Amino acid sequence: MYGCVLFADISGSSRLYEGLGDRRAAELITHALDRMCRQIEGQGGWVVKTLGDEVMAVFQNSDSALACAMHLPDVLSDLQPPLKLRQGLHYGELIKGAGDVYGDTVNTTARLASLARAGQILIGAALVATLSQAQQQQVRRLDSIPLRGKDHEVGLYEAIIEAADMTQLLSHAKTIEQRLCLCLQQGEHERCLHPGATLSLGRAADNDWVIASTLASRRHARIEVHGERCTLTDFSSNGTLILTDQGERLLLRHTSHVLHGQGWIACGEEAAANSAHSLFFKVQGEKPAPPAQNADTPERAR
């Protein structure tokens, strides 16, 4: 038996119990799960079970599974306090028995849901490959990730949940595609990224930019040019160090930072001008840097 597995988890349920008390929080979560189950069944899914603040379902059709996942937040939109979901979707072989479903596909989907941020839908590449062309326009590639117990990495996508956000992103790309550019250089290796581009950094040979350093992780970081920003996100063990030409030093550890101006990037080691493993970056045609945000602030390297 093959099918599409969906895990949808109510994010931050522990804080709900702390803030509302056990009885009120339990009532809210039960009500939310009931709405989610009705939505799943209404879109052709089979609700396998609910587990605390989480629902597991199986779909035979991948388009229906993705459409349902993207609409689940809508059925909770009027609840107070607002609830956000972390969701995972994957496709593969399933073992069915005694009213339950088992197997590697189920385990992988559960892991994807646990990795998702609040409001995010993470999708395995196997499911994306079975989507119609129209539905494939609703997802974007992230990276491949290692999962515990698997010999190979899983290709990872996320759903573009808000159509308005996607339209705005495309509109921005059209208006600034001739202006915004991120240029990277390491020795004789050069590359320029324009709006909509994504580049993976790491020690593994299938990265877009291979970092030949034992201090770099296999999947170390990702650079994205979107809207009017160039964002670097760190996924590594040793962190990513950014040295700007103004002398500012920033250490990223599992967080993101918007690149401005020019400087050097190092994966897992000291960043320095002309260092063998440092990448020189230069953001061209950018608007003035926005005010610093308190959230996800990288460490100031000492």
C-alpha atoms as a PDB file:
ATOM      1  CA  MET A   1       0.000   0.000   0.000  1.00  0.00           C
ATOM      2  CA  TYR A   2       1.292   3.448  -0.944  1.00  0.00           C
ATOM      3  CA  GLY A   3      -0.085   6.750   0.259  1.00  0.00           C
ATOM      4  CA  CYS A   4       0.504  10.289   1.511  1.00  0.00           C
ATOM      5  CA  VAL A   5       0.945  10.739   5.249  1.00  0.00           C
ATOM      6  CA  LEU A   6       0.093  13.976   7.034  1.00  0.00           C
ATOM      7  CA  PHE A   7       1.085  14.906  10.578  1.00  0.00           C
ATOM      8  CA  ALA A   8      -0.342  18.177  11.926  1.00  0.00           C
ATOM      9  CA  ASP A   9       0.785  19.276  15.384  1.00  0.00           C
ATOM     10  CA  ILE A  10      -0.605  22.212  17.384  1.00  0.00           C
ATOM     11  CA  SER A  11       2.432  24.335  18.187  1.00  0.00           C
ATOM     12  CA  GLY A  12       3.034  25.638  21.698  1.00  0.00           C
ATOM     13  CA  SER A  13       0.396  23.519  23.448  1.00  0.00           C
ATOM     14  CA  SER A  14       2.445  23.444  26.652  1.00  0.00           C
ATOM     15  CA  ARG A  15       2.215  27.234  26.895  1.00  0.00           C
ATOM     16  CA  LEU A  16      -1.543  26.985  26.376  1.00  0.00           C
ATOM     17  CA  TYR A  17      -1.869  24.789  29.450  1.00  0.00           C
ATOM     18  CA  GLU A  18       0.281  27.202  31.445  1.00  0.00           C
ATOM     19  CA  GLY A  19      -1.645  30.264  30.286  1.00  0.00           C
ATOM     20  CA  LEU A  20      -5.223  28.966  30.186  1.00  0.00           C
ATOM     21  CA  GLY A  21      -5.168  26.205  32.760  1.00  0.00           C
ATOM     22  CA  ASP A  22      -5.627  22.499  32.106  1.00  0.00           C
ATOM     23  CA  ARG A  23      -9.392  22.434  31.536  1.00  0.00           C
ATOM     24  CA  ARG A  24      -9.652  25.410  29.172  1.00  0.00           C
ATOM     25  CA  ALA A  25      -6.564  24.388  27.197  1.00  0.00           C
ATOM     26  CA  ALA A  26      -7.786  20.792  26.841  1.00  0.00           C
ATOM     27  CA  GLU A  27     -11.166  22.025  25.588  1.00  0.00           C
ATOM     28  CA  LEU A  28      -9.513  24.324  23.043  1.00  0.00           C
ATOM     29  CA  ILE A  29      -7.191  21.613  21.716  1.00  0.00           C
ATOM     30  CA  THR A  30     -10.007  19.059  21.519  1.00  0.00           C
ATOM     31  CA  HIS A  31     -12.138  21.566  19.600  1.00  0.00           C
ATOM     32  CA  ALA A  32      -9.239  22.336  17.243  1.00  0.00           C
ATOM     33  CA  LEU A  33      -8.533  18.646  16.581  1.00  0.00           C
ATOM     34  CA  ASP A  34     -12.213  18.038  15.858  1.00  0.00           C
ATOM     35  CA  ARG A  35     -12.217  20.801  13.244  1.00  0.00           C
ATOM     36  CA  MET A  36      -9.015  19.482  11.707  1.00  0.00           C
ATOM     37  CA  CYS A  37     -10.403  15.941  11.460  1.00  0.00           C
ATOM     38  CA  ARG A  38     -13.564  17.153   9.735  1.00  0.00           C
ATOM     39  CA  GLN A  39     -11.470  19.138   7.250  1.00  0.00           C
ATOM     40  CA  ILE A  40      -9.255  16.125   6.523  1.00  0.00           C
ATOM     41  CA  GLU A  41     -12.223  13.814   5.956  1.00  0.00           C
ATOM     42  CA  GLY A  42     -13.938  16.443   3.821  1.00  0.00           C
ATOM     43  CA  GLN A  43     -10.932  16.488   1.483  1.00  0.00           C
ATOM     44  CA  GLY A  44     -10.754  12.739   1.060  1.00  0.00           C
ATOM     45  CA  GLY A  45      -8.344  11.868   3.859  1.00  0.00           C
ATOM     46  CA  TRP A  46      -8.498   9.107   6.455  1.00  0.00           C
ATOM     47  CA  VAL A  47      -7.852  10.223  10.025  1.00  0.00           C
ATOM     48  CA  VAL A  48      -5.735   7.421  11.415  1.00  0.00           C
ATOM     49  CA  LYS A  49      -5.511   8.767  14.955  1.00  0.00           C
ATOM     50  CA  THR A  50      -5.051  11.790  17.186  1.00  0.00           C
ATOM     51  CA  LEU A  51      -2.163  11.846  19.631  1.00  0.00           C
ATOM     52  CA  GLY A  52      -2.527  14.512  22.303  1.00  0.00           C
ATOM     53  CA  ASP A  53      -2.249  17.735  20.296  1.00  0.00           C
ATOM     54  CA  GLU A  54      -1.477  16.032  16.969  1.00  0.00           C
ATOM     55  CA  VAL A  55      -3.450  14.380  14.181  1.00  0.00           C
ATOM     56  CA  MET A  56      -2.195  11.766  11.728  1.00  0.00           C
ATOM     57  CA  ALA A  57      -3.958  11.161   8.422  1.00  0.00           C
ATOM     58  CA  VAL A  58      -3.451   9.300   5.153  1.00  0.00           C
ATOM     59  CA  PHE A  59      -4.453  10.402   1.641  1.00  0.00           C
ATOM     60  CA  GLN A  60      -4.402   8.437  -1.587  1.00  0.00           C
ATOM     61  CA  ASN A  61      -4.026  11.597  -3.663  1.00  0.00           C
ATOM     62  CA  SER A  62      -0.991  13.872  -3.186  1.00  0.00           C
ATOM     63  CA  ASP A  63      -2.735  17.007  -4.471  1.00  0.00           C
ATOM     64  CA  SER A  64      -5.520  16.496  -1.941  1.00  0.00           C
ATOM     65  CA  ALA A  65      -3.015  15.970   0.867  1.00  0.00           C
ATOM     66  CA  LEU A  66      -1.174  19.220   0.111  1.00  0.00           C
ATOM     67  CA  ALA A  67      -4.386  21.195  -0.390  1.00  0.00           C
ATOM     68  CA  CYS A  68      -5.716  19.938   2.941  1.00  0.00           C
ATOM     69  CA  ALA A  69      -2.508  20.792   4.800  1.00  0.00           C
ATOM     70  CA  MET A  70      -2.538  24.309   3.352  1.00  0.00           C
ATOM     71  CA  HIS A  71      -6.172  24.864   4.425  1.00  0.00           C
ATOM     72  CA  LEU A  72      -5.960  23.392   7.916  1.00  0.00           C
ATOM     73  CA  PRO A  73      -4.762  26.705   9.461  1.00  0.00           C
ATOM     74  CA  ASP A  74      -7.898  28.390   8.053  1.00  0.00           C
ATOM     75  CA  VAL A  75     -10.252  26.182  10.063  1.00  0.00           C
ATOM     76  CA  LEU A  76      -8.513  27.349  13.258  1.00  0.00           C
ATOM     77  CA  SER A  77      -8.274  31.034  12.344  1.00  0.00           C
ATOM     78  CA  ASP A  78     -11.166  32.223  14.542  1.00  0.00           C
ATOM     79  CA  LEU A  79     -10.068  30.407  17.706  1.00  0.00           C
ATOM     80  CA  GLN A  80      -8.808  32.384  20.683  1.00  0.00           C
ATOM     81  CA  PRO A  81      -6.010  32.408  21.499  1.00  0.00           C
ATOM     82  CA  PRO A  82      -4.766  31.854  17.914  1.00  0.00           C
ATOM     83  CA  LEU A  83      -3.297  28.437  17.182  1.00  0.00           C
ATOM     84  CA  LYS A  84      -0.516  27.614  14.749  1.00  0.00           C
ATOM     85  CA  LEU A  85       0.314  24.237  13.244  1.00  0.00           C
ATOM     86  CA  ARG A  86       3.557  22.460  12.453  1.00  0.00           C
ATOM     87  CA  GLN A  87       2.941  20.030   9.618  1.00  0.00           C
ATOM     88  CA  GLY A  88       4.805  17.290   7.766  1.00  0.00           C
ATOM     89  CA  LEU A  89       3.874  15.543   4.491  1.00  0.00           C
ATOM     90  CA  HIS A  90       5.533  12.559   2.850  1.00  0.00           C
ATOM     91  CA  TYR A  91       4.716   9.814   0.352  1.00  0.00           C
ATOM     92  CA  GLY A  92       5.726   6.181   0.310  1.00  0.00           C
ATOM     93  CA  GLU A  93       4.937   2.609   1.206  1.00  0.00           C
ATOM     94  CA  LEU A  94       2.690   2.042   4.216  1.00  0.00           C
ATOM     95  CA  ILE A  95       1.968  -0.959   6.393  1.00  0.00           C
ATOM     96  CA  LYS A  96      -1.666  -1.090   7.458  1.00  0.00           C
ATOM     97  CA  GLY A  97      -2.981  -3.161  10.323  1.00  0.00           C
ATOM     98  CA  ALA A  98      -5.381  -3.060  13.269  1.00  0.00           C
ATOM     99  CA  GLY A  99      -6.729   0.369  12.370  1.00  0.00           C
ATOM    100  CA  ASP A 100      -3.256   1.933  12.273  1.00  0.00           C
ATOM    101  CA  VAL A 101      -0.521   2.631   9.740  1.00  0.00           C
ATOM    102  CA  TYR A 102       3.172   1.910  10.227  1.00  0.00           C
ATOM    103  CA  GLY A 103       6.493   2.019   8.438  1.00  0.00           C
ATOM    104  CA  ASP A 104       9.370   4.224   7.389  1.00  0.00           C
ATOM    105  CA  THR A 105       7.123   6.698   5.569  1.00  0.00           C
ATOM    106  CA  VAL A 106       5.161   7.333   8.769  1.00  0.00           C
ATOM    107  CA  ASN A 107       8.343   7.797  10.809  1.00  0.00           C
ATOM    108  CA  THR A 108       9.804  10.202   8.247  1.00  0.00           C
ATOM    109  CA  THR A 109       6.617  12.276   8.145  1.00  0.00           C
ATOM    110  CA  ALA A 110       6.519  12.556  11.920  1.00  0.00           C
ATOM    111  CA  ARG A 111      10.135  13.733  11.883  1.00  0.00           C
ATOM    112  CA  LEU A 112       9.361  16.381   9.249  1.00  0.00           C
ATOM    113  CA  ALA A 113       6.500  17.728  11.370  1.00  0.00           C
ATOM    114  CA  SER A 114       8.783  17.919  14.408  1.00  0.00           C
ATOM    115  CA  LEU A 115      11.340  19.924  12.396  1.00  0.00           C
ATOM    116  CA  ALA A 116       8.792  22.411  11.037  1.00  0.00           C
ATOM    117  CA  ARG A 117       8.430  25.874  12.519  1.00  0.00           C
ATOM    118  CA  ALA A 118       5.053  27.119  13.732  1.00  0.00           C
ATOM    119  CA  GLY A 119       2.970  27.816  10.634  1.00  0.00           C
ATOM    120  CA  GLN A 120       5.269  25.808   8.338  1.00  0.00           C
ATOM    121  CA  ILE A 121       4.541  22.727   6.211  1.00  0.00           C
ATOM    122  CA  LEU A 122       7.620  20.606   5.466  1.00  0.00           C
ATOM    123  CA  ILE A 123       7.288  18.156   2.577  1.00  0.00           C
ATOM    124  CA  GLY A 124       9.423  15.213   1.517  1.00  0.00           C
ATOM    125  CA  ALA A 125      10.707  15.156  -2.066  1.00  0.00           C
ATOM    126  CA  ALA A 126       8.943  11.826  -2.703  1.00  0.00           C
ATOM    127  CA  LEU A 127       5.561  13.516  -2.289  1.00  0.00           C
ATOM    128  CA  VAL A 128       6.508  16.538  -4.415  1.00  0.00           C
ATOM    129  CA  ALA A 129       7.415  14.180  -7.247  1.00  0.00           C
ATOM    130  CA  THR A 130       3.807  12.890  -7.284  1.00  0.00           C
ATOM    131  CA  LEU A 131       2.131  16.331  -7.309  1.00  0.00           C
ATOM    132  CA  SER A 132       0.437  17.748 -10.377  1.00  0.00           C
ATOM    133  CA  GLN A 133       2.248  20.561 -12.168  1.00  0.00           C
ATOM    134  CA  ALA A 134      -0.179  23.109 -10.728  1.00  0.00           C
ATOM    135  CA  GLN A 135       0.393  21.950  -7.159  1.00  0.00           C
ATOM    136  CA  GLN A 136       4.166  21.890  -7.622  1.00  0.00           C
ATOM    137  CA  GLN A 137       3.937  25.680  -8.006  1.00  0.00           C
ATOM    138  CA  GLN A 138       2.777  25.786  -4.376  1.00  0.00           C
ATOM    139  CA  VAL A 139       6.066  24.461  -2.970  1.00  0.00           C
ATOM    140  CA  ARG A 140       9.701  25.558  -2.948  1.00  0.00           C
ATOM    141  CA  ARG A 141      12.888  23.597  -2.422  1.00  0.00           C
ATOM    142  CA  LEU A 142      14.786  23.994   0.841  1.00  0.00           C
ATOM    143  CA  ASP A 143      17.575  21.432   1.122  1.00  0.00           C
ATOM    144  CA  SER A 144      18.299  17.807   1.887  1.00  0.00           C
ATOM    145  CA  ILE A 145      18.542  16.780   5.522  1.00  0.00           C
ATOM    146  CA  PRO A 146      19.862  13.726   7.360  1.00  0.00           C
ATOM    147  CA  LEU A 147      17.297  11.895   9.483  1.00  0.00           C
ATOM    148  CA  ARG A 148      18.091   9.530  12.326  1.00  0.00           C
ATOM    149  CA  GLY A 149      17.912   5.897  11.219  1.00  0.00           C
ATOM    150  CA  LYS A 150      18.118   6.620   7.482  1.00  0.00           C
ATOM    151  CA  ASP A 151      21.145   5.898   5.301  1.00  0.00           C
ATOM    152  CA  HIS A 152      20.361   8.681   2.849  1.00  0.00           C
ATOM    153  CA  GLU A 153      19.247  12.279   3.198  1.00  0.00           C
ATOM    154  CA  VAL A 154      15.671  13.364   2.494  1.00  0.00           C
ATOM    155  CA  GLY A 155      15.009  16.081  -0.071  1.00  0.00           C
ATOM    156  CA  LEU A 156      13.073  18.822   1.682  1.00  0.00           C
ATOM    157  CA  TYR A 157      10.459  21.306   0.445  1.00  0.00           C
ATOM    158  CA  GLU A 158       8.064  23.717   2.111  1.00  0.00           C
ATOM    159  CA  ALA A 159       4.585  24.853   1.095  1.00  0.00           C
ATOM    160  CA  ILE A 160       4.024  28.461   0.080  1.00  0.00           C
ATOM    161  CA  ILE A 161       1.009  28.863   2.317  1.00  0.00           C
ATOM    162  CA  GLU A 162      -0.099  32.413   1.540  1.00  0.00           C
ATOM    163  CA  ALA A 163      -0.847  33.120  -2.127  1.00  0.00           C
ATOM    164  CA  ALA A 164      -0.479  36.823  -1.357  1.00  0.00           C
ATOM    165  CA  ASP A 165       3.067  36.236  -0.128  1.00  0.00           C
ATOM    166  CA  MET A 166       3.936  34.335  -3.298  1.00  0.00           C
ATOM    167  CA  THR A 167       2.480  37.101  -5.494  1.00  0.00           C
ATOM    168  CA  GLN A 168       4.389  39.749  -3.572  1.00  0.00           C
ATOM    169  CA  LEU A 169       7.623  37.767  -3.877  1.00  0.00           C
ATOM    170  CA  LEU A 170       7.220  37.427  -7.650  1.00  0.00           C
ATOM    171  CA  SER A 171       6.336  41.106  -7.983  1.00  0.00           C
ATOM    172  CA  HIS A 172       9.432  42.163  -6.081  1.00  0.00           C
ATOM    173  CA  ALA A 173      11.620  39.856  -8.144  1.00  0.00           C
ATOM    174  CA  LYS A 174      10.362  41.410 -11.383  1.00  0.00           C
ATOM    175  CA  THR A 175      10.983  44.966 -10.254  1.00  0.00           C
ATOM    176  CA  ILE A 176      14.477  44.494  -8.830  1.00  0.00           C
ATOM    177  CA  GLU A 177      15.883  41.556 -10.803  1.00  0.00           C
ATOM    178  CA  GLN A 178      18.199  43.916 -12.716  1.00  0.00           C
ATOM    179  CA  ARG A 179      19.309  45.683  -9.559  1.00  0.00           C
ATOM    180  CA  LEU A 180      19.751  43.327  -6.581  1.00  0.00           C
ATOM    181  CA  CYS A 181      22.639  40.875  -6.847  1.00  0.00           C
ATOM    182  CA  LEU A 182      24.731  38.904  -4.366  1.00  0.00           C
ATOM    183  CA  CYS A 183      28.240  38.168  -5.647  1.00  0.00           C
ATOM    184  CA  LEU A 184      30.326  35.422  -4.038  1.00  0.00           C
ATOM    185  CA  GLN A 185      33.994  34.670  -4.632  1.00  0.00           C
ATOM    186  CA  GLN A 186      36.485  32.143  -3.286  1.00  0.00           C
ATOM    187  CA  GLY A 187      39.763  32.006  -5.150  1.00  0.00           C
ATOM    188  CA  GLU A 188      38.904  31.608  -8.826  1.00  0.00           C
ATOM    189  CA  HIS A 189      35.387  30.407  -8.038  1.00  0.00           C
ATOM    190  CA  GLU A 190      32.780  33.158  -8.564  1.00  0.00           C
ATOM    191  CA  ARG A 191      29.003  33.200  -8.641  1.00  0.00           C
ATOM    192  CA  CYS A 192      26.287  35.889  -8.676  1.00  0.00           C
ATOM    193  CA  LEU A 193      22.817  35.259  -7.246  1.00  0.00           C
ATOM    194  CA  HIS A 194      19.705  37.184  -8.302  1.00  0.00           C
ATOM    195  CA  PRO A 195      16.208  37.308  -6.712  1.00  0.00           C
ATOM    196  CA  GLY A 196      14.703  33.831  -6.426  1.00  0.00           C
ATOM    197  CA  ALA A 197      18.096  32.085  -6.255  1.00  0.00           C
ATOM    198  CA  THR A 198      19.124  29.683  -3.484  1.00  0.00           C
ATOM    199  CA  LEU A 199      22.611  28.329  -2.815  1.00  0.00           C
ATOM    200  CA  SER A 200      23.603  25.567  -0.385  1.00  0.00           C
ATOM    201  CA  LEU A 201      26.979  25.558   1.377  1.00  0.00           C
ATOM    202  CA  GLY A 202      28.646  22.569   2.980  1.00  0.00           C
ATOM    203  CA  ARG A 203      31.261  19.829   2.948  1.00  0.00           C
ATOM    204  CA  ALA A 204      29.141  17.308   1.000  1.00  0.00           C
ATOM    205  CA  ALA A 205      29.971  17.097  -2.690  1.00  0.00           C
ATOM    206  CA  ASP A 206      26.389  17.728  -3.858  1.00  0.00           C
ATOM    207  CA  ASN A 207      26.172  21.216  -2.333  1.00  0.00           C
ATOM    208  CA  ASP A 208      25.952  24.172  -4.716  1.00  0.00           C
ATOM    209  CA  TRP A 209      29.178  25.502  -3.159  1.00  0.00           C
ATOM    210  CA  VAL A 210      31.447  22.891  -1.600  1.00  0.00           C
ATOM    211  CA  ILE A 211      33.471  23.996   1.439  1.00  0.00           C
ATOM    212  CA  ALA A 212      36.653  21.910   1.563  1.00  0.00           C
ATOM    213  CA  SER A 213      37.139  22.172   5.302  1.00  0.00           C
ATOM    214  CA  THR A 214      36.780  19.488   7.973  1.00  0.00           C
ATOM    215  CA  LEU A 215      35.236  22.132  10.244  1.00  0.00           C
ATOM    216  CA  ALA A 216      32.314  22.655   7.859  1.00  0.00           C
ATOM    217  CA  SER A 217      29.205  20.492   8.260  1.00  0.00           C
ATOM    218  CA  ARG A 218      27.928  18.376   5.395  1.00  0.00           C
ATOM    219  CA  ARG A 219      24.871  20.640   5.182  1.00  0.00           C
ATOM    220  CA  HIS A 220      26.298  23.789   6.661  1.00  0.00           C
ATOM    221  CA  ALA A 221      24.251  26.775   5.507  1.00  0.00           C
ATOM    222  CA  ARG A 222      21.912  28.162   2.853  1.00  0.00           C
ATOM    223  CA  ILE A 223      21.887  31.551   1.128  1.00  0.00           C
ATOM    224  CA  GLU A 224      18.631  32.858  -0.358  1.00  0.00           C
ATOM    225  CA  VAL A 225      18.000  35.996  -2.405  1.00  0.00           C
ATOM    226  CA  HIS A 226      14.340  36.854  -2.038  1.00  0.00           C
ATOM    227  CA  GLY A 227      12.408  40.107  -2.169  1.00  0.00           C
ATOM    228  CA  GLU A 228      15.026  42.748  -1.483  1.00  0.00           C
ATOM    229  CA  ARG A 229      17.088  40.684   0.949  1.00  0.00           C
ATOM    230  CA  CYS A 230      19.970  38.250   0.872  1.00  0.00           C
ATOM    231  CA  THR A 231      19.614  35.859   3.811  1.00  0.00           C
ATOM    232  CA  LEU A 232      22.148  33.381   5.176  1.00  0.00           C
ATOM    233  CA  THR A 233      20.790  30.571   7.390  1.00  0.00           C
ATOM    234  CA  ASP A 234      23.107  28.357   9.448  1.00  0.00           C
ATOM    235  CA  PHE A 235      22.337  24.653  10.079  1.00  0.00           C
ATOM    236  CA  SER A 236      25.798  23.594  11.234  1.00  0.00           C
ATOM    237  CA  SER A 237      27.536  22.199  14.290  1.00  0.00           C
ATOM    238  CA  ASN A 238      30.335  24.793  14.463  1.00  0.00           C
ATOM    239  CA  GLY A 239      28.435  27.874  13.295  1.00  0.00           C
ATOM    240  CA  THR A 240      29.001  30.363  10.489  1.00  0.00           C
ATOM    241  CA  LEU A 241      31.117  33.478  11.047  1.00  0.00           C
ATOM    242  CA  ILE A 242      30.500  36.688   9.102  1.00  0.00           C
ATOM    243  CA  LEU A 243      33.130  39.440   8.994  1.00  0.00           C
ATOM    244  CA  THR A 244      32.013  42.688   7.367  1.00  0.00           C
ATOM    245  CA  ASP A 245      34.320  45.269   5.830  1.00  0.00           C
ATOM    246  CA  GLN A 246      33.236  47.569   8.680  1.00  0.00           C
ATOM    247  CA  GLY A 247      34.880  45.233  11.190  1.00  0.00           C
ATOM    248  CA  GLU A 248      31.635  43.731  12.566  1.00  0.00           C
ATOM    249  CA  ARG A 249      31.865  40.018  13.462  1.00  0.00           C
ATOM    250  CA  LEU A 250      28.697  37.907  13.704  1.00  0.00           C
ATOM    251  CA  LEU A 251      28.502  34.243  14.661  1.00  0.00           C
ATOM    252  CA  LEU A 252      25.382  32.430  13.438  1.00  0.00           C
ATOM    253  CA  ARG A 253      24.253  29.282  15.215  1.00  0.00           C
ATOM    254  CA  HIS A 254      21.081  27.737  13.784  1.00  0.00           C
ATOM    255  CA  THR A 255      19.649  31.142  12.921  1.00  0.00           C
ATOM    256  CA  SER A 256      19.418  33.529   9.980  1.00  0.00           C
ATOM    257  CA  HIS A 257      21.000  36.875   9.146  1.00  0.00           C
ATOM    258  CA  VAL A 258      20.402  39.362   6.342  1.00  0.00           C
ATOM    259  CA  LEU A 259      23.637  40.144   4.494  1.00  0.00           C
ATOM    260  CA  HIS A 260      24.458  43.794   3.790  1.00  0.00           C
ATOM    261  CA  GLY A 261      27.390  45.511   2.125  1.00  0.00           C
ATOM    262  CA  GLN A 262      30.377  43.262   1.715  1.00  0.00           C
ATOM    263  CA  GLY A 263      32.665  41.053   3.764  1.00  0.00           C
ATOM    264  CA  TRP A 264      33.655  37.443   4.324  1.00  0.00           C
ATOM    265  CA  ILE A 265      31.810  34.257   5.307  1.00  0.00           C
ATOM    266  CA  ALA A 266      33.475  31.254   6.943  1.00  0.00           C
ATOM    267  CA  CYS A 267      31.892  27.883   7.692  1.00  0.00           C
ATOM    268  CA  GLY A 268      32.954  26.521  11.069  1.00  0.00           C
ATOM    269  CA  GLU A 269      36.161  28.532  11.368  1.00  0.00           C
ATOM    270  CA  GLU A 270      37.645  32.012  11.538  1.00  0.00           C
ATOM    271  CA  ALA A 271      36.597  34.376   8.763  1.00  0.00           C
ATOM    272  CA  ALA A 272      39.415  36.455   7.310  1.00  0.00           C
ATOM    273  CA  ALA A 273      40.170  38.365   4.144  1.00  0.00           C
ATOM    274  CA  ASN A 274      41.750  36.115   1.519  1.00  0.00           C
ATOM    275  CA  SER A 275      41.593  33.043   3.778  1.00  0.00           C
ATOM    276  CA  ALA A 276      41.567  29.760   1.851  1.00  0.00           C
ATOM    277  CA  HIS A 277      38.118  28.779   3.165  1.00  0.00           C
ATOM    278  CA  SER A 278      36.482  32.231   3.450  1.00  0.00           C
ATOM    279  CA  LEU A 279      33.978  33.387   0.852  1.00  0.00           C
ATOM    280  CA  PHE A 280      33.991  37.046  -0.112  1.00  0.00           C
ATOM    281  CA  PHE A 281      30.475  38.434  -0.532  1.00  0.00           C
ATOM    282  CA  LYS A 282      29.158  41.695  -1.908  1.00  0.00           C
ATOM    283  CA  VAL A 283      25.511  42.771  -2.028  1.00  0.00           C
ATOM    284  CA  GLN A 284      24.925  45.084  -4.971  1.00  0.00           C
ATOM    285  CA  GLY A 285      21.937  47.339  -5.552  1.00  0.00           C
ATOM    286  CA  GLU A 286      20.422  46.897  -2.091  1.00  0.00           C
ATOM    287  CA  LYS A 287      18.259  49.345  -0.192  1.00  0.00           C
ATOM    288  CA  PRO A 288      19.545  50.725   3.130  1.00  0.00           C
ATOM    289  CA  ALA A 289      19.739  48.049   5.817  1.00  0.00           C
ATOM    290  CA  PRO A 290      16.570  47.735   7.956  1.00  0.00           C
ATOM    291  CA  PRO A 291      16.696  48.334  11.738  1.00  0.00           C
ATOM    292  CA  ALA A 292      18.142  45.447  13.755  1.00  0.00           C
ATOM    293  CA  GLN A 293      15.595  42.921  15.034  1.00  0.00           C
ATOM    294  CA  ASN A 294      15.583  41.462  18.513  1.00  0.00           C
ATOM    295  CA  ALA A 295      14.426  38.028  17.380  1.00  0.00           C
ATOM    296  CA  ASP A 296      16.912  35.471  16.097  1.00  0.00           C
ATOM    297  CA  THR A 297      19.823  37.805  16.834  1.00  0.00           C
ATOM    298  CA  PRO A 298      23.172  36.180  15.995  1.00  0.00           C
ATOM    299  CA  GLU A 299      25.971  36.149  18.523  1.00  0.00           C
ATOM    300  CA  ARG A 300      28.588  38.851  18.367  1.00  0.00           C
ATOM    301  CA  ALA A 301      31.797  36.919  17.911  1.00  0.00           C
ATOM    302  CA  ARG A 302      34.522  37.713  20.363  1.00  0.00           C
END
